[in-house]
Amino acid sequence: MSDIQKRIQRLEDIKSIEQLKYKYLHACDDKDPEAMISVFTKENCEIDYGEVGVFNNRESLKKVYTAAACHDYMIESHHAHNPIINIIDSDKAIGVWALTYQLINTKDLSIVKLKGIYEDEYIKDAGEWLISKTKFILKSTLSRQIEEKFLKVIFAG
């Protein structure tokens, strides 16, 4: 493979990894457990989401995610940004992403905003990039209660 071909492949790999992460984020916002777990390796997967839980397979994550987050009254917005992705070799990569997350809970009238960092490891399996290891590190949280006296909600939904 020529130098230019290697450089193009590196760019394609980075773009594929970015699309993988975006697929995950959209699936979380859309409350789509199958799409959400599809970004992880089927075996030998390590997922550390701190207080949410530590999982050694994607099915365990799906079970907790479905019970905790798949509710119509939870309007979520996941925004990952500022990725730093390093291709290690043709089938391994690592990445760091900043996350800004907001949850509007129309049931308990609360708003939560948090920021943190994802540290990911990726492998290419059968030509497809997947997350083999991820850790979320919480950096800050802001929780607000919606009370008529303090905040008038014009629309929630």
N, C-alpha and C. Protein backbone atom coordinates (compact mmCIF):
# COMPACT_ATOMS: atom_id res chain seq x y z
N MET A 1 0.84 -1.17 0.00
CA MET A 1 0.00 0.00 0.00
C MET A 1 0.90 1.24 0.00
N SER A 2 0.61 2.16 -0.89
CA SER A 2 1.41 3.38 -1.00
C SER A 2 1.12 4.31 0.19
N ASP A 3 1.95 5.31 0.35
CA ASP A 3 1.77 6.27 1.44
C ASP A 3 0.42 6.98 1.33
N ILE A 4 0.04 7.36 0.13
CA ILE A 4 -1.24 8.05 -0.06
C ILE A 4 -2.42 7.12 0.25
N GLN A 5 -2.29 5.86 -0.12
CA GLN A 5 -3.34 4.89 0.19
C GLN A 5 -3.47 4.69 1.71
N LYS A 6 -2.33 4.65 2.40
CA LYS A 6 -2.34 4.52 3.87
C LYS A 6 -3.00 5.73 4.51
N ARG A 7 -2.69 6.91 4.00
CA ARG A 7 -3.27 8.14 4.54
C ARG A 7 -4.79 8.19 4.30
N ILE A 8 -5.21 7.77 3.13
CA ILE A 8 -6.65 7.74 2.81
C ILE A 8 -7.35 6.72 3.71
N GLN A 9 -6.73 5.54 3.88
CA GLN A 9 -7.33 4.51 4.73
C GLN A 9 -7.46 5.01 6.17
N ARG A 10 -6.45 5.71 6.66
CA ARG A 10 -6.50 6.28 8.02
C ARG A 10 -7.68 7.24 8.14
N LEU A 11 -7.85 8.11 7.17
CA LEU A 11 -8.97 9.06 7.19
C LEU A 11 -10.32 8.34 7.13
N GLU A 12 -10.40 7.32 6.29
CA GLU A 12 -11.64 6.54 6.20
C GLU A 12 -11.94 5.83 7.52
N ASP A 13 -10.90 5.30 8.16
CA ASP A 13 -11.09 4.64 9.45
C ASP A 13 -11.57 5.62 10.51
N ILE A 14 -10.97 6.79 10.57
CA ILE A 14 -11.39 7.81 11.54
C ILE A 14 -12.85 8.19 11.29
N LYS A 15 -13.20 8.41 10.04
CA LYS A 15 -14.59 8.77 9.71
C LYS A 15 -15.56 7.65 10.10
N SER A 16 -15.18 6.41 9.88
CA SER A 16 -16.03 5.28 10.25
C SER A 16 -16.23 5.21 11.76
N ILE A 17 -15.18 5.47 12.51
CA ILE A 17 -15.28 5.47 13.97
C ILE A 17 -16.18 6.61 14.45
N GLU A 18 -16.04 7.78 13.84
CA GLU A 18 -16.93 8.89 14.18
C GLU A 18 -18.38 8.52 13.92
N GLN A 19 -18.66 7.93 12.77
CA GLN A 19 -20.02 7.52 12.43
C GLN A 19 -20.54 6.47 13.42
N LEU A 20 -19.68 5.58 13.87
CA LEU A 20 -20.04 4.57 14.86
C LEU A 20 -20.50 5.23 16.16
N LYS A 21 -19.74 6.21 16.62
CA LYS A 21 -20.10 6.91 17.86
C LYS A 21 -21.41 7.68 17.68
N TYR A 22 -21.58 8.32 16.54
CA TYR A 22 -22.82 9.05 16.28
C TYR A 22 -24.02 8.11 16.22
N LYS A 23 -23.83 6.93 15.68
CA LYS A 23 -24.90 5.92 15.66
C LYS A 23 -25.31 5.57 17.08
N TYR A 24 -24.34 5.40 17.94
CA TYR A 24 -24.61 5.10 19.36
C TYR A 24 -25.42 6.23 20.01
N LEU A 25 -24.98 7.46 19.81
CA LEU A 25 -25.64 8.61 20.42
C LEU A 25 -27.08 8.77 19.93
N HIS A 26 -27.28 8.63 18.63
CA HIS A 26 -28.63 8.71 18.06
C HIS A 26 -29.52 7.60 18.62
N ALA A 27 -28.98 6.40 18.74
CA ALA A 27 -29.76 5.28 19.28
C ALA A 27 -30.16 5.54 20.72
N CYS A 28 -29.26 6.14 21.50
CA CYS A 28 -29.61 6.48 22.89
C CYS A 28 -30.75 7.50 22.91
N ASP A 29 -30.64 8.54 22.11
CA ASP A 29 -31.70 9.56 22.07
C ASP A 29 -33.01 9.01 21.53
N ASP A 30 -32.93 8.06 20.61
CA ASP A 30 -34.13 7.47 20.01
C ASP A 30 -34.72 6.33 20.82
N LYS A 31 -34.06 5.98 21.94
CA LYS A 31 -34.52 4.87 22.79
C LYS A 31 -34.59 3.57 22.00
N ASP A 32 -33.52 3.27 21.29
CA ASP A 32 -33.43 2.09 20.43
C ASP A 32 -32.34 1.16 20.96
N PRO A 33 -32.70 0.26 21.90
CA PRO A 33 -31.69 -0.60 22.53
C PRO A 33 -30.89 -1.46 21.56
N GLU A 34 -31.54 -2.00 20.53
CA GLU A 34 -30.82 -2.86 19.59
C GLU A 34 -29.76 -2.08 18.82
N ALA A 35 -30.12 -0.91 18.33
CA ALA A 35 -29.14 -0.08 17.62
C ALA A 35 -28.04 0.38 18.58
N MET A 36 -28.41 0.69 19.81
CA MET A 36 -27.44 1.16 20.80
C MET A 36 -26.37 0.12 21.07
N ILE A 37 -26.76 -1.12 21.27
CA ILE A 37 -25.76 -2.14 21.58
C ILE A 37 -25.02 -2.65 20.35
N SER A 38 -25.55 -2.38 19.16
CA SER A 38 -24.93 -2.90 17.93
C SER A 38 -23.54 -2.29 17.67
N VAL A 39 -23.21 -1.21 18.35
CA VAL A 39 -21.90 -0.58 18.14
C VAL A 39 -20.80 -1.26 18.93
N PHE A 40 -21.18 -2.16 19.84
CA PHE A 40 -20.20 -2.84 20.69
C PHE A 40 -19.90 -4.24 20.15
N THR A 41 -18.70 -4.74 20.46
CA THR A 41 -18.35 -6.10 20.08
C THR A 41 -19.30 -7.07 20.79
N LYS A 42 -19.59 -8.19 20.12
CA LYS A 42 -20.50 -9.17 20.70
C LYS A 42 -19.85 -9.89 21.88
N GLU A 43 -18.55 -10.08 21.81
CA GLU A 43 -17.83 -10.78 22.87
C GLU A 43 -16.68 -9.90 23.35
N ASN A 44 -16.22 -10.18 24.56
CA ASN A 44 -15.08 -9.48 25.14
C ASN A 44 -15.24 -7.97 25.13
N CYS A 45 -16.40 -7.53 25.52
CA CYS A 45 -16.71 -6.10 25.56
C CYS A 45 -16.62 -5.61 27.00
N GLU A 46 -15.97 -4.47 27.19
CA GLU A 46 -15.86 -3.87 28.52
C GLU A 46 -16.51 -2.48 28.48
N ILE A 47 -17.52 -2.30 29.33
CA ILE A 47 -18.26 -1.05 29.38
C ILE A 47 -18.28 -0.57 30.83
N ASP A 48 -17.70 0.59 31.08
CA ASP A 48 -17.66 1.16 32.43
C ASP A 48 -18.33 2.52 32.38
N TYR A 49 -19.57 2.57 32.86
CA TYR A 49 -20.32 3.82 32.90
C TYR A 49 -20.47 4.34 34.33
N GLY A 50 -19.47 4.07 35.16
CA GLY A 50 -19.45 4.60 36.52
C GLY A 50 -20.66 4.18 37.32
N GLU A 51 -21.38 5.18 37.85
CA GLU A 51 -22.55 4.90 38.71
C GLU A 51 -23.66 4.15 37.98
N VAL A 52 -23.72 4.27 36.67
CA VAL A 52 -24.73 3.54 35.89
C VAL A 52 -24.44 2.04 35.93
N GLY A 53 -23.17 1.68 35.92
CA GLY A 53 -22.79 0.28 36.00
C GLY A 53 -21.58 -0.07 35.17
N VAL A 54 -21.04 -1.24 35.46
CA VAL A 54 -19.92 -1.81 34.71
C VAL A 54 -20.43 -3.11 34.12
N PHE A 55 -20.20 -3.28 32.81
CA PHE A 55 -20.76 -4.43 32.09
C PHE A 55 -19.65 -5.12 31.30
N ASN A 56 -19.72 -6.46 31.25
CA ASN A 56 -18.73 -7.20 30.46
C ASN A 56 -19.34 -7.77 29.19
N ASN A 57 -20.58 -7.36 28.89
CA ASN A 57 -21.20 -7.74 27.62
C ASN A 57 -22.30 -6.74 27.30
N ARG A 58 -22.60 -6.64 26.05
CA ARG A 58 -23.56 -5.62 25.60
C ARG A 58 -24.99 -5.94 25.99
N GLU A 59 -25.33 -7.21 26.16
CA GLU A 59 -26.69 -7.58 26.55
C GLU A 59 -27.01 -7.10 27.97
N SER A 60 -26.04 -7.14 28.87
CA SER A 60 -26.25 -6.63 30.22
C SER A 60 -26.49 -5.12 30.20
N LEU A 61 -25.75 -4.41 29.36
CA LEU A 61 -25.98 -2.97 29.20
C LEU A 61 -27.38 -2.71 28.66
N LYS A 62 -27.79 -3.49 27.67
CA LYS A 62 -29.12 -3.32 27.07
C LYS A 62 -30.22 -3.46 28.12
N LYS A 63 -30.09 -4.43 29.00
CA LYS A 63 -31.10 -4.68 30.03
C LYS A 63 -31.23 -3.47 30.96
N VAL A 64 -30.11 -2.95 31.44
CA VAL A 64 -30.14 -1.79 32.35
C VAL A 64 -30.62 -0.55 31.61
N TYR A 65 -30.13 -0.35 30.39
CA TYR A 65 -30.51 0.82 29.58
C TYR A 65 -32.02 0.83 29.32
N THR A 66 -32.57 -0.30 28.95
CA THR A 66 -34.00 -0.40 28.65
C THR A 66 -34.84 -0.06 29.88
N ALA A 67 -34.44 -0.61 31.04
CA ALA A 67 -35.20 -0.36 32.27
C ALA A 67 -35.07 1.09 32.75
N ALA A 68 -33.88 1.66 32.61
CA ALA A 68 -33.63 2.99 33.17
C ALA A 68 -33.98 4.14 32.24
N ALA A 69 -33.82 3.96 30.93
CA ALA A 69 -33.88 5.11 30.02
C ALA A 69 -34.98 5.07 28.97
N CYS A 70 -35.55 3.95 28.72
CA CYS A 70 -36.52 3.85 27.62
C CYS A 70 -37.94 4.20 28.08
N HIS A 71 -38.12 5.49 28.37
CA HIS A 71 -39.41 5.99 28.82
C HIS A 71 -39.74 7.27 28.05
N ASP A 72 -40.99 7.42 27.65
CA ASP A 72 -41.41 8.59 26.87
C ASP A 72 -41.23 9.90 27.63
N TYR A 73 -41.27 9.85 28.95
CA TYR A 73 -41.14 11.06 29.75
C TYR A 73 -39.68 11.53 29.90
N MET A 74 -38.75 10.75 29.37
CA MET A 74 -37.33 11.11 29.43
C MET A 74 -36.88 11.57 28.04
N ILE A 75 -36.65 12.85 27.91
CA ILE A 75 -36.20 13.41 26.63
C ILE A 75 -34.70 13.68 26.78
N GLU A 76 -33.91 12.91 26.05
CA GLU A 76 -32.46 12.97 26.19
C GLU A 76 -31.80 13.56 24.95
N SER A 77 -30.67 14.17 25.19
CA SER A 77 -29.87 14.72 24.11
C SER A 77 -28.40 14.47 24.41
N HIS A 78 -27.80 13.56 23.66
CA HIS A 78 -26.39 13.22 23.80
C HIS A 78 -25.60 13.93 22.70
N HIS A 79 -24.59 14.70 23.07
CA HIS A 79 -23.73 15.37 22.10
C HIS A 79 -22.28 15.05 22.41
N ALA A 80 -21.68 14.20 21.60
CA ALA A 80 -20.25 13.92 21.73
C ALA A 80 -19.52 14.85 20.76
N HIS A 81 -18.41 15.37 21.20
CA HIS A 81 -17.68 16.33 20.39
C HIS A 81 -16.19 16.29 20.73
N ASN A 82 -15.43 17.03 19.96
CA ASN A 82 -13.98 17.15 20.14
C ASN A 82 -13.27 15.79 20.17
N PRO A 83 -13.57 14.92 19.20
CA PRO A 83 -12.92 13.60 19.23
C PRO A 83 -11.43 13.68 18.92
N ILE A 84 -10.70 12.85 19.61
CA ILE A 84 -9.29 12.62 19.29
C ILE A 84 -9.18 11.12 19.05
N ILE A 85 -9.03 10.74 17.79
CA ILE A 85 -9.01 9.33 17.41
C ILE A 85 -7.63 8.99 16.86
N ASN A 86 -7.04 7.96 17.42
CA ASN A 86 -5.73 7.49 16.97
C ASN A 86 -5.85 6.07 16.44
N ILE A 87 -5.48 5.90 15.19
CA ILE A 87 -5.45 4.57 14.59
C ILE A 87 -4.14 3.91 15.00
N ILE A 88 -4.24 2.80 15.70
CA ILE A 88 -3.05 2.09 16.18
C ILE A 88 -2.48 1.22 15.06
N ASP A 89 -3.35 0.45 14.43
CA ASP A 89 -2.96 -0.35 13.27
C ASP A 89 -4.22 -0.63 12.46
N SER A 90 -4.18 -1.55 11.54
CA SER A 90 -5.30 -1.75 10.62
C SER A 90 -6.59 -2.21 11.30
N ASP A 91 -6.49 -2.74 12.53
CA ASP A 91 -7.71 -3.19 13.19
C ASP A 91 -7.84 -2.76 14.65
N LYS A 92 -7.06 -1.76 15.06
CA LYS A 92 -7.15 -1.25 16.43
C LYS A 92 -7.04 0.27 16.43
N ALA A 93 -7.85 0.88 17.29
CA ALA A 93 -7.82 2.33 17.43
C ALA A 93 -8.26 2.70 18.84
N ILE A 94 -7.93 3.91 19.25
CA ILE A 94 -8.39 4.45 20.52
C ILE A 94 -8.97 5.83 20.27
N GLY A 95 -9.86 6.24 21.15
CA GLY A 95 -10.46 7.56 20.99
C GLY A 95 -10.89 8.15 22.30
N VAL A 96 -10.88 9.47 22.34
CA VAL A 96 -11.38 10.23 23.48
C VAL A 96 -12.40 11.22 22.94
N TRP A 97 -13.54 11.29 23.60
CA TRP A 97 -14.64 12.18 23.19
C TRP A 97 -15.12 12.96 24.40
N ALA A 98 -15.47 14.21 24.20
CA ALA A 98 -16.18 14.97 25.22
C ALA A 98 -17.68 14.71 25.01
N LEU A 99 -18.42 14.66 26.10
CA LEU A 99 -19.87 14.47 26.02
C LEU A 99 -20.57 15.59 26.78
N THR A 100 -21.56 16.17 26.16
CA THR A 100 -22.51 17.06 26.82
C THR A 100 -23.87 16.38 26.69
N TYR A 101 -24.52 16.20 27.82
CA TYR A 101 -25.77 15.44 27.88
C TYR A 101 -26.82 16.27 28.62
N GLN A 102 -28.03 16.22 28.10
CA GLN A 102 -29.14 16.86 28.81
C GLN A 102 -30.34 15.92 28.84
N LEU A 103 -30.98 15.89 29.99
CA LEU A 103 -32.19 15.10 30.19
C LEU A 103 -33.28 16.02 30.71
N ILE A 104 -34.41 16.04 30.02
CA ILE A 104 -35.61 16.69 30.53
C ILE A 104 -36.56 15.56 30.93
N ASN A 105 -36.89 15.52 32.19
CA ASN A 105 -37.79 14.48 32.70
C ASN A 105 -39.14 15.13 32.97
N THR A 106 -40.10 14.82 32.13
CA THR A 106 -41.42 15.44 32.25
C THR A 106 -42.27 14.78 33.33
N LYS A 107 -41.82 13.66 33.86
CA LYS A 107 -42.55 12.99 34.93
C LYS A 107 -42.24 13.63 36.28
N ASP A 108 -40.96 13.79 36.58
CA ASP A 108 -40.61 14.39 37.87
C ASP A 108 -40.22 15.86 37.76
N LEU A 109 -40.42 16.44 36.58
CA LEU A 109 -40.17 17.86 36.32
C LEU A 109 -38.76 18.28 36.73
N SER A 110 -37.80 17.59 36.13
CA SER A 110 -36.41 17.91 36.41
C SER A 110 -35.63 18.04 35.11
N ILE A 111 -34.52 18.74 35.20
CA ILE A 111 -33.60 18.88 34.08
C ILE A 111 -32.20 18.57 34.61
N VAL A 112 -31.51 17.68 33.93
CA VAL A 112 -30.14 17.32 34.30
C VAL A 112 -29.24 17.59 33.11
N LYS A 113 -28.14 18.26 33.38
CA LYS A 113 -27.13 18.48 32.35
C LYS A 113 -25.81 17.99 32.93
N LEU A 114 -25.10 17.21 32.12
CA LEU A 114 -23.81 16.75 32.59
C LEU A 114 -22.78 16.82 31.48
N LYS A 115 -21.54 16.81 31.90
CA LYS A 115 -20.42 16.79 30.96
C LYS A 115 -19.45 15.71 31.43
N GLY A 116 -18.80 15.11 30.46
CA GLY A 116 -17.85 14.07 30.79
C GLY A 116 -17.01 13.69 29.60
N ILE A 117 -16.25 12.63 29.78
CA ILE A 117 -15.31 12.15 28.77
C ILE A 117 -15.54 10.66 28.54
N TYR A 118 -15.60 10.28 27.28
CA TYR A 118 -15.56 8.86 26.91
C TYR A 118 -14.12 8.52 26.52
N GLU A 119 -13.62 7.42 27.04
CA GLU A 119 -12.35 6.85 26.59
C GLU A 119 -12.69 5.50 25.96
N ASP A 120 -12.49 5.40 24.65
CA ASP A 120 -12.91 4.21 23.89
C ASP A 120 -11.72 3.47 23.29
N GLU A 121 -11.91 2.17 23.12
CA GLU A 121 -11.02 1.34 22.32
C GLU A 121 -11.88 0.68 21.25
N TYR A 122 -11.33 0.61 20.05
CA TYR A 122 -12.07 0.09 18.91
C TYR A 122 -11.28 -1.05 18.27
N ILE A 123 -12.03 -1.99 17.70
CA ILE A 123 -11.42 -3.02 16.87
C ILE A 123 -12.21 -3.11 15.57
N LYS A 124 -11.50 -3.50 14.53
CA LYS A 124 -12.17 -3.72 13.25
C LYS A 124 -12.41 -5.21 13.12
N ASP A 125 -13.68 -5.57 12.96
CA ASP A 125 -14.08 -6.97 12.85
C ASP A 125 -14.83 -7.14 11.53
N ALA A 126 -14.30 -7.99 10.68
CA ALA A 126 -14.90 -8.23 9.36
C ALA A 126 -15.12 -6.92 8.61
N GLY A 127 -14.15 -6.02 8.71
CA GLY A 127 -14.20 -4.75 7.99
C GLY A 127 -15.03 -3.66 8.63
N GLU A 128 -15.59 -3.93 9.84
CA GLU A 128 -16.45 -2.97 10.52
C GLU A 128 -15.85 -2.59 11.86
N TRP A 129 -15.74 -1.29 12.13
CA TRP A 129 -15.26 -0.82 13.41
C TRP A 129 -16.33 -0.99 14.47
N LEU A 130 -15.92 -1.47 15.66
CA LEU A 130 -16.81 -1.64 16.81
C LEU A 130 -16.10 -1.18 18.07
N ILE A 131 -16.86 -0.83 19.08
CA ILE A 131 -16.28 -0.45 20.36
C ILE A 131 -16.06 -1.73 21.17
N SER A 132 -14.82 -1.95 21.58
CA SER A 132 -14.50 -3.12 22.40
C SER A 132 -14.38 -2.77 23.88
N LYS A 133 -14.09 -1.49 24.14
CA LYS A 133 -13.94 -1.05 25.52
C LYS A 133 -14.30 0.43 25.59
N THR A 134 -15.08 0.79 26.60
CA THR A 134 -15.42 2.20 26.80
C THR A 134 -15.52 2.50 28.28
N LYS A 135 -15.13 3.70 28.62
CA LYS A 135 -15.23 4.18 29.99
C LYS A 135 -15.74 5.61 29.94
N PHE A 136 -16.76 5.89 30.73
CA PHE A 136 -17.26 7.26 30.83
C PHE A 136 -16.81 7.84 32.15
N ILE A 137 -16.19 9.02 32.08
CA ILE A 137 -15.70 9.71 33.26
C ILE A 137 -16.50 11.00 33.41
N LEU A 138 -17.29 11.07 34.45
CA LEU A 138 -18.13 12.23 34.71
C LEU A 138 -17.28 13.39 35.20
N LYS A 139 -17.49 14.57 34.61
CA LYS A 139 -16.74 15.77 35.00
C LYS A 139 -17.60 16.77 35.76
N SER A 140 -18.87 16.92 35.38
CA SER A 140 -19.75 17.86 36.09
C SER A 140 -21.21 17.49 35.86
N THR A 141 -22.04 17.88 36.83
CA THR A 141 -23.47 17.64 36.76
C THR A 141 -24.21 18.87 37.27
N LEU A 142 -25.26 19.23 36.59
CA LEU A 142 -26.16 20.29 37.04
C LEU A 142 -27.57 19.72 37.02
N SER A 143 -28.20 19.64 38.18
CA SER A 143 -29.58 19.14 38.30
C SER A 143 -30.47 20.29 38.71
N ARG A 144 -31.58 20.43 38.01
CA ARG A 144 -32.53 21.49 38.31
C ARG A 144 -33.92 20.90 38.46
N GLN A 145 -34.65 21.45 39.38
CA GLN A 145 -36.04 21.06 39.57
C GLN A 145 -36.91 22.15 38.94
N ILE A 146 -37.89 21.73 38.19
CA ILE A 146 -38.80 22.70 37.58
C ILE A 146 -39.93 22.95 38.57
N GLU A 147 -39.97 24.18 39.09
CA GLU A 147 -41.03 24.58 40.01
C GLU A 147 -41.62 25.88 39.48
N GLU A 148 -42.92 25.94 39.46
CA GLU A 148 -43.59 27.10 38.87
C GLU A 148 -43.10 28.42 39.47
N LYS A 149 -42.80 28.40 40.73
CA LYS A 149 -42.33 29.61 41.40
C LYS A 149 -41.00 30.11 40.83
N PHE A 150 -40.15 29.20 40.40
CA PHE A 150 -38.81 29.55 39.96
C PHE A 150 -38.60 29.50 38.45
N LEU A 151 -39.36 28.68 37.78
CA LEU A 151 -39.13 28.47 36.36
C LEU A 151 -40.45 28.14 35.70
N LYS A 152 -40.77 28.87 34.68
CA LYS A 152 -41.99 28.58 33.94
C LYS A 152 -41.61 27.75 32.71
N VAL A 153 -42.20 26.60 32.60
CA VAL A 153 -41.94 25.74 31.47
C VAL A 153 -42.96 26.07 30.39
N ILE A 154 -42.47 26.48 29.25
CA ILE A 154 -43.35 26.81 28.14
C ILE A 154 -43.69 25.55 27.35
N PHE A 155 -42.74 24.67 27.22
CA PHE A 155 -42.97 23.42 26.50
C PHE A 155 -42.01 22.37 27.03
N ALA A 156 -42.49 21.17 27.25
CA ALA A 156 -41.67 20.03 27.60
C ALA A 156 -42.24 18.84 26.86
N GLY A 157 -41.43 18.23 26.05
CA GLY A 157 -41.94 17.08 25.31
C GLY A 157 -41.06 16.69 24.19
